[in-house]
Amino acid sequence: MSIDSVVVTIFAVFGQAKTETKSGSQILFAIASGSGADDVLLESRIPPPLFSCFGFNLAMSLTIKPHLHHQNHRMHKPKSTNSRDWTQIYTVYGMEQWQTLLFLVFQATIFSIMSVLFLLYFQPICQFLDTFFLFTATSSTGGGSAARFAAGFFGCVTALSAVCLFFAAGNFFYSSVGLRYEMAQRIVSCVNDWSNVKVALDIGCGRGILLNAVATQLKKTGSSGRVVGLDRSKGTTLSTLRTANVEGVGEYVTCREGDVRSLPFGDNYFDVVVSATFVHTVGKEYGHRTVEAAAERMRVLGEMVRVLKPGGVGVVWDLVHVPEYVRRLQELKMEDITVSERVTAFMVSSHIVSFRKPDQHILGLLGPGEVRLDWRC
């Protein structure tokens, strides 16, 4: 079965599903997505008509703390002029971690087949269970009441598991393609004035959806600035440069391979630093919930602050660990820390966090009880 046919099956069955889900499907997705596959540019393509049935709706709920600003006026959804056809997004950027999608669909198919077998051969299964477990109470239709209950119970569980896995696969594809593009537009809208931006940085640029969104904004405002995409893989950066040329913003984009925990740039270098669903992957070799992994994520956040110019803006869209980022930014005395409403991505909650680095003269005015902060922490 090809990747295209797998995606076709997902949208044909679950095209109208919403992004909110029960905890059971979240657990199934968490188990399936633990493989940590590397970013891969999927070369397969899907015909345009197949996306007409795709109608996911985002489920939003406010989850910010009272002492943080909620910027509805800045983190608004992009205007319709920025919307693009699903086919265009997929054709240009492909899909990351398609192995996870394939794994989810494979597991969902197995459970679907099992549930159909339970339905078609319910009576023989009841008789088998009745004989195997030595149930004595039998009925004239075959199989004891306990055997019938067991067969029905396992049949329902397999059917429900298939539905959850198909739903998880659909949400995974949606989050990787459509939602990522939409959130890139929202991240761009968090910066008020792009005309004064000379150099911007995208940490963990991946396929370049956010990178090209920034470059497009620079092009629209007539800026002479450039945006640098940083990624851990040289192969990914080459693919990203190709997508930038396809989008017509190649002259605004440059890509580099480097370690995000020690950015290869000087202090106070960038006007804007952005990142999309990347920081949470740093330190995953230690386990996502460990102290070591949290320290690595905080190190990346400190590097983001270090390379920002005084008065520069940082914007991070990430999963799960956003409260950690907010606390760290508060410790680093960042200003205008704002958190967006909750957006379900990859079956978990996500938020956009934006902040501004204080001006240089403010950093120099230390009170008697204050100490100078080290951005590299």
Protein backbone atom coordinates (compact mmCIF):
# COMPACT_ATOMS: atom_id res chain seq x y z
CA MET A 1 0.00 0.00 0.00
CA SER A 2 1.49 3.38 -1.03
CA ILE A 3 1.66 6.45 1.21
CA ASP A 4 -0.85 8.25 -1.01
CA SER A 5 -3.42 5.47 -0.69
CA VAL A 6 -2.96 5.46 3.08
CA VAL A 7 -3.66 9.20 3.31
CA VAL A 8 -6.64 8.82 0.95
CA THR A 9 -8.15 6.21 3.26
CA ILE A 10 -7.72 8.47 6.29
CA PHE A 11 -9.49 11.45 4.75
CA ALA A 12 -12.21 9.41 3.10
CA VAL A 13 -13.27 8.02 6.48
CA PHE A 14 -12.40 10.77 8.93
CA GLY A 15 -12.42 13.95 6.87
CA GLN A 16 -14.97 15.68 9.04
CA ALA A 17 -13.49 14.73 12.41
CA LYS A 18 -12.65 17.42 14.93
CA THR A 19 -9.32 17.86 16.65
CA GLU A 20 -10.64 17.26 20.17
CA THR A 21 -10.29 13.64 21.26
CA LYS A 22 -10.71 11.38 24.24
CA SER A 23 -7.82 10.39 26.48
CA GLY A 24 -7.79 6.87 25.06
CA SER A 25 -6.76 8.03 21.60
CA GLN A 26 -4.16 10.33 23.14
CA ILE A 27 -2.57 7.35 24.85
CA LEU A 28 -2.58 5.32 21.63
CA PHE A 29 -0.96 8.20 19.76
CA ALA A 30 1.66 8.71 22.46
CA ILE A 31 2.66 5.05 22.19
CA ALA A 32 2.81 5.14 18.41
CA SER A 33 4.72 8.42 18.15
CA GLY A 34 7.48 7.40 20.51
CA SER A 35 9.70 6.23 17.69
CA GLY A 36 11.20 9.70 17.23
CA ALA A 37 11.67 9.36 13.50
CA ASP A 38 13.85 11.91 11.79
CA ASP A 39 12.43 14.56 9.53
CA VAL A 40 11.82 13.14 6.06
CA LEU A 41 10.63 14.98 2.97
CA LEU A 42 7.87 12.86 1.47
CA GLU A 43 8.09 12.95 -2.30
CA SER A 44 4.69 11.32 -2.90
CA ARG A 45 1.86 13.61 -3.91
CA ILE A 46 -1.95 13.56 -3.51
CA PRO A 47 -4.36 14.64 -6.24
CA PRO A 48 -6.32 17.85 -5.51
CA PRO A 49 -9.85 16.38 -5.31
CA LEU A 50 -8.91 14.14 -2.41
CA PHE A 51 -8.66 17.07 -0.04
CA SER A 52 -12.19 18.33 -0.62
CA CYS A 53 -13.45 16.01 2.13
CA PHE A 54 -10.95 17.28 4.70
CA GLY A 55 -12.73 19.50 7.23
CA PHE A 56 -11.00 19.51 10.57
CA ASN A 57 -12.02 22.17 13.06
CA LEU A 58 -9.65 23.46 15.73
CA ALA A 59 -10.83 23.21 19.31
CA MET A 60 -9.64 26.22 21.24
CA SER A 61 -9.78 26.86 24.97
CA LEU A 62 -8.17 29.59 27.04
CA THR A 63 -5.47 28.24 29.37
CA ILE A 64 -3.20 31.18 30.21
CA LYS A 65 -2.35 32.44 33.66
CA PRO A 66 -3.93 35.68 34.87
CA HIS A 67 -0.61 37.53 35.18
CA LEU A 68 0.22 36.94 31.50
CA HIS A 69 -1.11 39.06 28.67
CA HIS A 70 -3.51 37.45 26.21
CA GLN A 71 -2.99 39.12 22.85
CA ASN A 72 -6.06 38.44 20.79
CA HIS A 73 -5.29 41.51 18.70
CA ARG A 74 -1.80 40.26 17.79
CA MET A 75 -2.15 36.50 17.72
CA HIS A 76 -5.20 36.51 15.51
CA LYS A 77 -5.77 34.01 12.77
CA PRO A 78 -4.34 35.05 9.42
CA LYS A 79 -6.60 36.67 6.90
CA SER A 80 -8.13 34.65 4.10
CA THR A 81 -5.62 36.10 1.67
CA ASN A 82 -2.96 33.92 3.33
CA SER A 83 -4.95 30.72 2.96
CA ARG A 84 -3.77 28.10 0.52
CA ASP A 85 -5.13 24.97 -0.99
CA TRP A 86 -4.25 21.79 0.90
CA THR A 87 -2.81 20.30 -2.24
CA GLN A 88 -0.42 23.20 -2.75
CA ILE A 89 0.95 22.93 0.80
CA TYR A 90 1.45 19.18 0.54
CA THR A 91 2.94 19.39 -2.96
CA VAL A 92 5.56 21.94 -1.92
CA TYR A 93 6.47 20.72 1.54
CA GLY A 94 5.56 17.05 1.68
CA MET A 95 5.32 15.59 5.16
CA GLU A 96 7.63 14.98 8.11
CA GLN A 97 7.75 11.71 10.04
CA TRP A 98 5.57 9.81 7.59
CA GLN A 99 6.79 6.59 9.27
CA THR A 100 4.65 7.48 12.29
CA LEU A 101 1.62 8.04 10.07
CA LEU A 102 2.21 4.72 8.33
CA PHE A 103 2.56 2.96 11.68
CA LEU A 104 -0.72 4.42 12.94
CA VAL A 105 -2.60 3.46 9.79
CA PHE A 106 -1.12 -0.05 9.84
CA GLN A 107 -2.19 -0.58 13.44
CA ALA A 108 -5.64 0.86 12.69
CA THR A 109 -6.02 -1.50 9.73
CA ILE A 110 -5.11 -4.51 11.86
CA PHE A 111 -7.66 -3.58 14.51
CA SER A 112 -10.28 -2.91 11.82
CA ILE A 113 -9.78 -6.37 10.35
CA MET A 114 -10.03 -7.93 13.79
CA SER A 115 -13.27 -6.09 14.57
CA VAL A 116 -14.80 -7.20 11.23
CA LEU A 117 -13.79 -10.79 11.94
CA PHE A 118 -15.44 -10.59 15.37
CA LEU A 119 -18.61 -9.33 13.68
CA LEU A 120 -18.71 -11.91 10.86
CA TYR A 121 -17.72 -14.90 12.94
CA PHE A 122 -19.32 -13.98 16.22
CA GLN A 123 -21.08 -17.32 16.81
CA PRO A 124 -18.05 -19.52 15.99
CA ILE A 125 -15.90 -17.33 18.23
CA CYS A 126 -18.41 -17.71 21.05
CA GLN A 127 -18.38 -21.47 20.61
CA PHE A 128 -14.59 -21.52 20.60
CA LEU A 129 -14.40 -19.43 23.76
CA ASP A 130 -17.05 -21.60 25.38
CA THR A 131 -14.96 -24.69 24.68
CA PHE A 132 -11.59 -23.12 25.43
CA PHE A 133 -12.56 -21.68 28.81
CA LEU A 134 -14.77 -24.68 29.66
CA PHE A 135 -17.84 -22.53 30.15
CA THR A 136 -20.79 -24.73 31.12
CA ALA A 137 -23.72 -22.41 30.59
CA THR A 138 -24.58 -22.61 26.89
CA SER A 139 -27.39 -21.28 24.82
CA SER A 140 -29.22 -22.78 21.88
CA THR A 141 -27.62 -20.29 19.52
CA GLY A 142 -24.17 -21.44 20.44
CA GLY A 143 -21.73 -20.15 23.05
CA GLY A 144 -22.43 -19.48 26.69
CA SER A 145 -23.42 -16.11 28.06
CA ALA A 146 -19.92 -15.51 29.45
CA ALA A 147 -18.37 -16.44 26.11
CA ARG A 148 -20.75 -14.13 24.25
CA PHE A 149 -19.91 -11.30 26.63
CA ALA A 150 -16.18 -11.86 26.18
CA ALA A 151 -16.47 -11.98 22.38
CA GLY A 152 -18.63 -8.86 22.29
CA PHE A 153 -16.35 -7.00 24.67
CA PHE A 154 -13.18 -7.72 22.70
CA GLY A 155 -14.96 -6.94 19.44
CA CYS A 156 -15.99 -3.51 20.75
CA VAL A 157 -12.49 -2.82 22.07
CA THR A 158 -10.86 -3.64 18.72
CA ALA A 159 -13.38 -1.50 16.83
CA LEU A 160 -12.89 1.44 19.19
CA SER A 161 -9.11 1.07 18.94
CA ALA A 162 -9.32 1.15 15.15
CA VAL A 163 -11.38 4.35 15.24
CA CYS A 164 -8.96 6.02 17.68
CA LEU A 165 -5.92 5.04 15.62
CA PHE A 166 -7.46 6.24 12.36
CA PHE A 167 -8.40 9.49 14.08
CA ALA A 168 -4.87 9.86 15.46
CA ALA A 169 -3.44 9.29 11.97
CA GLY A 170 -5.74 11.93 10.49
CA ASN A 171 -4.86 14.44 13.20
CA PHE A 172 -1.16 13.70 12.75
CA PHE A 173 -1.36 14.45 9.03
CA TYR A 174 -3.42 17.57 9.61
CA SER A 175 -1.00 18.86 12.26
CA SER A 176 2.00 18.18 10.01
CA VAL A 177 0.62 19.98 6.96
CA GLY A 178 -2.41 22.23 7.29
CA LEU A 179 -2.15 23.28 10.93
CA ARG A 180 1.59 23.90 10.69
CA TYR A 181 1.00 26.28 7.77
CA GLU A 182 -1.78 28.10 9.59
CA MET A 183 0.29 28.48 12.75
CA ALA A 184 3.21 29.79 10.71
CA GLN A 185 0.97 32.63 9.54
CA ARG A 186 -0.04 33.35 13.13
CA ILE A 187 3.58 33.38 14.27
CA VAL A 188 4.40 35.90 11.55
CA SER A 189 1.50 38.09 12.70
CA CYS A 190 3.02 38.29 16.20
CA VAL A 191 5.68 40.69 14.88
CA ASN A 192 4.17 44.13 14.37
CA ASP A 193 6.66 45.67 11.95
CA TRP A 194 8.63 43.49 9.54
CA SER A 195 9.91 46.43 7.52
CA ASN A 196 12.59 47.12 10.15
CA VAL A 197 13.69 43.50 10.43
CA LYS A 198 17.13 42.99 8.91
CA VAL A 199 17.97 39.48 10.10
CA ALA A 200 15.61 36.79 11.42
CA LEU A 201 16.27 33.24 12.64
CA ASP A 202 14.11 30.10 12.43
CA ILE A 203 15.35 27.47 14.90
CA GLY A 204 14.63 23.94 13.71
CA CYS A 205 13.41 25.07 10.29
CA GLY A 206 12.63 21.54 9.05
CA ARG A 207 10.78 21.63 5.73
CA GLY A 208 10.71 25.42 5.79
CA ILE A 209 7.01 26.23 6.22
CA LEU A 210 7.67 28.86 8.90
CA LEU A 211 10.94 29.90 7.29
CA ASN A 212 9.25 30.68 3.99
CA ALA A 213 6.35 32.40 5.75
CA VAL A 214 8.86 34.81 7.33
CA ALA A 215 10.63 35.29 3.99
CA THR A 216 7.31 35.98 2.27
CA GLN A 217 6.49 38.61 4.87
CA LEU A 218 9.87 40.27 4.35
CA LYS A 219 9.22 40.28 0.62
CA LYS A 220 5.75 41.80 1.03
CA THR A 221 7.03 44.66 3.18
CA GLY A 222 9.83 45.42 0.75
CA SER A 223 12.46 44.71 3.38
CA SER A 224 16.05 44.01 2.42
CA GLY A 225 16.35 41.60 5.34
CA ARG A 226 17.05 37.89 5.31
CA VAL A 227 15.93 34.92 7.36
CA VAL A 228 18.30 32.16 8.44
CA GLY A 229 17.03 28.62 8.89
CA LEU A 230 18.96 26.42 11.34
CA ASP A 231 18.56 22.65 11.38
CA ARG A 232 20.49 19.65 12.69
CA SER A 233 20.52 17.87 9.33
CA LYS A 234 22.36 19.06 6.23
CA GLY A 235 20.01 17.07 3.99
CA THR A 236 17.04 18.91 5.48
CA THR A 237 18.60 22.32 4.86
CA LEU A 238 19.16 21.46 1.20
CA SER A 239 15.51 20.44 0.81
CA THR A 240 14.45 23.63 2.58
CA LEU A 241 16.40 25.78 0.13
CA ARG A 242 14.61 24.04 -2.74
CA THR A 243 11.20 24.80 -1.24
CA ALA A 244 12.22 28.44 -0.79
CA ASN A 245 13.00 28.68 -4.50
CA VAL A 246 9.65 27.08 -5.31
CA GLU A 247 7.91 29.70 -3.14
CA GLY A 248 9.81 32.48 -4.91
CA VAL A 249 11.65 33.70 -1.81
CA GLY A 250 15.01 32.05 -2.36
CA GLU A 251 16.86 35.39 -2.27
CA TYR A 252 15.55 36.03 1.26
CA VAL A 253 16.49 32.63 2.71
CA THR A 254 19.70 31.00 3.82
CA CYS A 255 20.08 27.73 5.73
CA ARG A 256 22.71 26.43 8.09
CA GLU A 257 23.45 23.20 9.86
CA GLY A 258 24.17 23.63 13.55
CA ASP A 259 23.53 22.70 17.17
CA VAL A 260 20.57 24.58 18.60
CA ARG A 261 21.97 24.17 22.12
CA SER A 262 24.94 26.32 21.11
CA LEU A 263 23.83 28.60 18.32
CA PRO A 264 26.66 29.50 15.91
CA PHE A 265 25.87 33.22 16.07
CA GLY A 266 27.10 36.16 18.12
CA ASP A 267 25.22 37.93 20.88
CA ASN A 268 22.49 40.42 19.93
CA TYR A 269 22.52 39.38 16.27
CA PHE A 270 18.88 38.83 15.20
CA ASP A 271 15.90 41.15 15.18
CA VAL A 272 13.44 38.24 15.31
CA VAL A 273 13.85 34.61 16.43
CA VAL A 274 11.06 32.08 15.78
CA SER A 275 10.56 28.34 16.21
CA ALA A 276 7.70 25.92 15.52
CA THR A 277 7.17 22.58 17.31
CA PHE A 278 10.87 22.00 17.70
CA VAL A 279 12.13 22.95 21.17
CA HIS A 280 10.27 20.05 22.82
CA THR A 281 12.32 17.58 20.76
CA VAL A 282 15.61 18.80 22.23
CA GLY A 283 16.97 16.45 24.88
CA LYS A 284 14.61 13.62 23.94
CA GLU A 285 17.51 11.20 24.29
CA TYR A 286 17.13 11.70 28.06
CA GLY A 287 13.36 11.18 27.99
CA HIS A 288 10.82 13.99 27.65
CA ARG A 289 9.90 14.12 31.35
CA THR A 290 13.40 14.03 32.83
CA VAL A 291 15.28 16.85 34.51
CA GLU A 292 18.07 16.52 31.96
CA ALA A 293 15.68 17.03 29.04
CA ALA A 294 14.13 20.08 30.72
CA ALA A 295 17.60 21.55 31.23
CA GLU A 296 18.39 21.08 27.52
CA ARG A 297 15.17 22.84 26.53
CA MET A 298 15.94 25.73 28.84
CA ARG A 299 19.40 25.93 27.33
CA VAL A 300 17.88 26.37 23.86
CA LEU A 301 15.58 29.07 25.19
CA GLY A 302 18.56 30.86 26.72
CA GLU A 303 20.35 30.70 23.37
CA MET A 304 17.34 32.24 21.67
CA VAL A 305 17.45 35.15 24.09
CA ARG A 306 21.21 35.52 23.74
CA VAL A 307 21.19 35.98 19.95
CA LEU A 308 18.23 38.39 20.04
CA LYS A 309 19.02 42.08 19.74
CA PRO A 310 17.80 44.32 22.56
CA GLY A 311 14.21 45.11 21.69
CA GLY A 312 14.02 42.04 19.45
CA VAL A 313 11.02 39.71 19.39
CA GLY A 314 10.98 35.96 19.96
CA VAL A 315 8.05 33.69 19.07
CA VAL A 316 7.83 29.99 19.92
CA TRP A 317 5.03 27.57 19.03
CA ASP A 318 5.50 24.34 20.90
CA LEU A 319 3.82 21.38 22.57
CA VAL A 320 3.26 20.43 26.22
CA HIS A 321 6.18 22.29 27.82
CA VAL A 322 5.00 25.88 27.30
CA PRO A 323 4.62 26.60 31.06
CA GLU A 324 8.33 25.82 31.47
CA TYR A 325 9.19 28.34 28.77
CA VAL A 326 7.08 31.04 30.38
CA ARG A 327 8.74 30.56 33.76
CA ARG A 328 12.19 30.64 32.19
CA LEU A 329 11.42 33.79 30.22
CA GLN A 330 10.19 35.46 33.39
CA GLU A 331 13.44 34.48 35.12
CA LEU A 332 15.36 36.06 32.23
CA LYS A 333 13.39 39.30 32.71
CA MET A 334 11.83 39.23 29.25
CA GLU A 335 9.08 41.73 28.54
CA ASP A 336 5.64 41.47 26.90
CA ILE A 337 5.41 37.71 27.49
CA THR A 338 2.19 36.56 25.84
CA VAL A 339 0.58 33.15 25.46
CA SER A 340 -2.00 32.25 22.84
CA GLU A 341 -5.12 30.16 23.32
CA ARG A 342 -4.78 26.40 23.34
CA VAL A 343 -4.51 24.65 19.97
CA THR A 344 -4.65 20.87 19.66
CA ALA A 345 -1.71 19.64 17.60
CA PHE A 346 -0.44 16.07 17.31
CA MET A 347 -3.15 15.06 19.79
CA VAL A 348 -1.76 17.27 22.58
CA SER A 349 -2.11 20.90 23.61
CA SER A 350 0.08 23.59 22.09
CA HIS A 351 0.50 27.34 22.50
CA ILE A 352 2.31 30.23 20.89
CA VAL A 353 4.56 32.17 23.28
CA SER A 354 5.95 35.55 22.26
CA PHE A 355 8.26 37.87 24.17
CA ARG A 356 10.47 40.92 23.72
CA LYS A 357 14.05 41.27 24.90
CA PRO A 358 14.53 44.39 27.04
CA ASP A 359 16.43 47.32 25.61
CA GLN A 360 20.14 47.50 26.37
CA HIS A 361 19.87 50.49 28.71
CA ILE A 362 17.27 48.64 30.77
CA LEU A 363 19.57 45.64 31.13
CA GLY A 364 22.30 47.94 32.36
CA LEU A 365 20.23 49.37 35.20
CA LEU A 366 20.62 46.76 37.91
CA GLY A 367 19.20 47.36 41.32
CA PRO A 368 20.98 46.48 44.57
CA GLY A 369 19.21 43.12 44.82
CA GLU A 370 19.58 42.13 41.17
CA VAL A 371 22.27 40.26 39.28
CA ARG A 372 23.21 40.31 35.62
CA LEU A 373 21.69 37.34 33.79
CA ASP A 374 23.63 34.92 31.63
CA TRP A 375 21.61 34.23 28.49
CA ARG A 376 23.49 30.98 27.92
CA CYS A 377 21.99 29.30 30.99
